[in-house]
Amino acid sequence: MMEVSDSPAAWAQDRLTELETKLAFAEDLLDTLNQTVIRQQGQLDLMQQQLRLLHQRLQEAQPAEARSLREDIPPHY
């Protein structure tokens, strides 16, 4: 914590310095968080693109017409 100053002007100057220091740290933290959000948004965009591609490949790999379970029953039933 800050030390107690004798005059109101010195106290105000100390308080101003403390607030400026806290503001500088808060701005740095905000910049760091913004960069994290930007990086994570890029990762999300890439994962969504990959998911769309996988979904498309899955749709292409599935047969066009759905088969009935009766078609899978062996002839001796």
C-alpha atoms as a PDB file:
ATOM      1  CA  MET A   1       0.000   0.000   0.000  1.00  0.00           C
ATOM      2  CA  MET A   2       1.085   3.629  -0.269  1.00  0.00           C
ATOM      3  CA  GLU A   3       2.658   5.526   2.594  1.00  0.00           C
ATOM      4  CA  VAL A   4       0.782   8.355   4.275  1.00  0.00           C
ATOM      5  CA  SER A   5       1.816  11.807   3.019  1.00  0.00           C
ATOM      6  CA  ASP A   6       1.786  14.960   5.124  1.00  0.00           C
ATOM      7  CA  SER A   7       0.178  17.358   2.660  1.00  0.00           C
ATOM      8  CA  PRO A   8      -3.026  16.972   0.658  1.00  0.00           C
ATOM      9  CA  ALA A   9      -1.122  17.760  -2.547  1.00  0.00           C
ATOM     10  CA  ALA A  10       1.389  14.978  -1.889  1.00  0.00           C
ATOM     11  CA  TRP A  11      -1.450  12.596  -1.023  1.00  0.00           C
ATOM     12  CA  ALA A  12      -3.256  13.498  -4.266  1.00  0.00           C
ATOM     13  CA  GLN A  13      -0.069  12.997  -6.278  1.00  0.00           C
ATOM     14  CA  ASP A  14       0.521   9.593  -4.680  1.00  0.00           C
ATOM     15  CA  ARG A  15      -3.069   8.595  -5.317  1.00  0.00           C
ATOM     16  CA  LEU A  16      -2.844   9.755  -8.942  1.00  0.00           C
ATOM     17  CA  THR A  17       0.339   7.734  -9.444  1.00  0.00           C
ATOM     18  CA  GLU A  18      -1.321   4.660  -7.940  1.00  0.00           C
ATOM     19  CA  LEU A  19      -4.361   5.041 -10.209  1.00  0.00           C
ATOM     20  CA  GLU A  20      -2.195   5.553 -13.296  1.00  0.00           C
ATOM     21  CA  THR A  21      -0.278   2.379 -12.440  1.00  0.00           C
ATOM     22  CA  LYS A  22      -3.494   0.394 -12.035  1.00  0.00           C
ATOM     23  CA  LEU A  23      -4.788   1.798 -15.334  1.00  0.00           C
ATOM     24  CA  ALA A  24      -1.604   0.764 -17.134  1.00  0.00           C
ATOM     25  CA  PHE A  25      -1.932  -2.795 -15.808  1.00  0.00           C
ATOM     26  CA  ALA A  26      -5.635  -2.884 -16.737  1.00  0.00           C
ATOM     27  CA  GLU A  27      -4.880  -1.691 -20.282  1.00  0.00           C
ATOM     28  CA  ASP A  28      -2.170  -4.332 -20.639  1.00  0.00           C
ATOM     29  CA  LEU A  29      -4.557  -7.024 -19.407  1.00  0.00           C
ATOM     30  CA  LEU A  30      -7.239  -5.830 -21.821  1.00  0.00           C
ATOM     31  CA  ASP A  31      -4.794  -6.004 -24.741  1.00  0.00           C
ATOM     32  CA  THR A  32      -3.761  -9.517 -23.710  1.00  0.00           C
ATOM     33  CA  LEU A  33      -7.389 -10.637 -23.454  1.00  0.00           C
ATOM     34  CA  ASN A  34      -8.213  -9.102 -26.826  1.00  0.00           C
ATOM     35  CA  GLN A  35      -5.346 -11.001 -28.448  1.00  0.00           C
ATOM     36  CA  THR A  36      -6.584 -14.204 -26.807  1.00  0.00           C
ATOM     37  CA  VAL A  37     -10.101 -13.647 -28.135  1.00  0.00           C
ATOM     38  CA  ILE A  38      -8.758 -12.946 -31.641  1.00  0.00           C
ATOM     39  CA  ARG A  39      -6.652 -16.143 -31.550  1.00  0.00           C
ATOM     40  CA  GLN A  40      -9.533 -18.243 -30.253  1.00  0.00           C
ATOM     41  CA  GLN A  41     -11.906 -16.837 -32.887  1.00  0.00           C
ATOM     42  CA  GLY A  42      -9.444 -17.932 -35.553  1.00  0.00           C
ATOM     43  CA  GLN A  43      -9.352 -21.401 -34.024  1.00  0.00           C
ATOM     44  CA  LEU A  44     -13.161 -21.537 -33.933  1.00  0.00           C
ATOM     45  CA  ASP A  45     -13.387 -20.455 -37.569  1.00  0.00           C
ATOM     46  CA  LEU A  46     -10.943 -23.187 -38.570  1.00  0.00           C
ATOM     47  CA  MET A  47     -12.802 -25.846 -36.564  1.00  0.00           C
ATOM     48  CA  GLN A  48     -16.142 -24.808 -38.094  1.00  0.00           C
ATOM     49  CA  GLN A  49     -14.641 -25.080 -41.569  1.00  0.00           C
ATOM     50  CA  GLN A  50     -13.267 -28.536 -40.756  1.00  0.00           C
ATOM     51  CA  LEU A  51     -16.626 -29.622 -39.317  1.00  0.00           C
ATOM     52  CA  ARG A  52     -18.426 -28.493 -42.486  1.00  0.00           C
ATOM     53  CA  LEU A  53     -15.934 -30.452 -44.597  1.00  0.00           C
ATOM     54  CA  LEU A  54     -16.365 -33.578 -42.458  1.00  0.00           C
ATOM     55  CA  HIS A  55     -20.150 -33.240 -42.650  1.00  0.00           C
ATOM     56  CA  GLN A  56     -19.957 -32.896 -46.418  1.00  0.00           C
ATOM     57  CA  ARG A  57     -17.734 -35.982 -46.696  1.00  0.00           C
ATOM     58  CA  LEU A  58     -20.095 -37.939 -44.464  1.00  0.00           C
ATOM     59  CA  GLN A  59     -23.065 -36.967 -46.625  1.00  0.00           C
ATOM     60  CA  GLU A  60     -21.176 -38.033 -49.766  1.00  0.00           C
ATOM     61  CA  ALA A  61     -20.209 -41.369 -48.196  1.00  0.00           C
ATOM     62  CA  GLN A  62     -23.762 -42.314 -47.216  1.00  0.00           C
ATOM     63  CA  PRO A  63     -25.928 -44.154 -49.747  1.00  0.00           C
ATOM     64  CA  ALA A  64     -28.453 -41.994 -51.559  1.00  0.00           C
ATOM     65  CA  GLU A  65     -31.521 -44.031 -50.569  1.00  0.00           C
ATOM     66  CA  ALA A  66     -32.199 -45.266 -47.088  1.00  0.00           C
ATOM     67  CA  ARG A  67     -32.392 -49.020 -46.654  1.00  0.00           C
ATOM     68  CA  SER A  68     -35.051 -50.761 -44.650  1.00  0.00           C
ATOM     69  CA  LEU A  69     -34.112 -53.082 -41.809  1.00  0.00           C
ATOM     70  CA  ARG A  70     -36.151 -55.786 -43.576  1.00  0.00           C
ATOM     71  CA  GLU A  71     -33.574 -55.775 -46.363  1.00  0.00           C
ATOM     72  CA  ASP A  72     -30.939 -56.776 -43.816  1.00  0.00           C
ATOM     73  CA  ILE A  73     -32.834 -59.867 -42.566  1.00  0.00           C
ATOM     74  CA  PRO A  74     -31.268 -63.064 -43.876  1.00  0.00           C
ATOM     75  CA  PRO A  75     -33.508 -65.070 -46.263  1.00  0.00           C
ATOM     76  CA  HIS A  76     -34.076 -67.987 -43.850  1.00  0.00           C
ATOM     77  CA  TYR A  77     -36.273 -65.851 -41.538  1.00  0.00           C
END
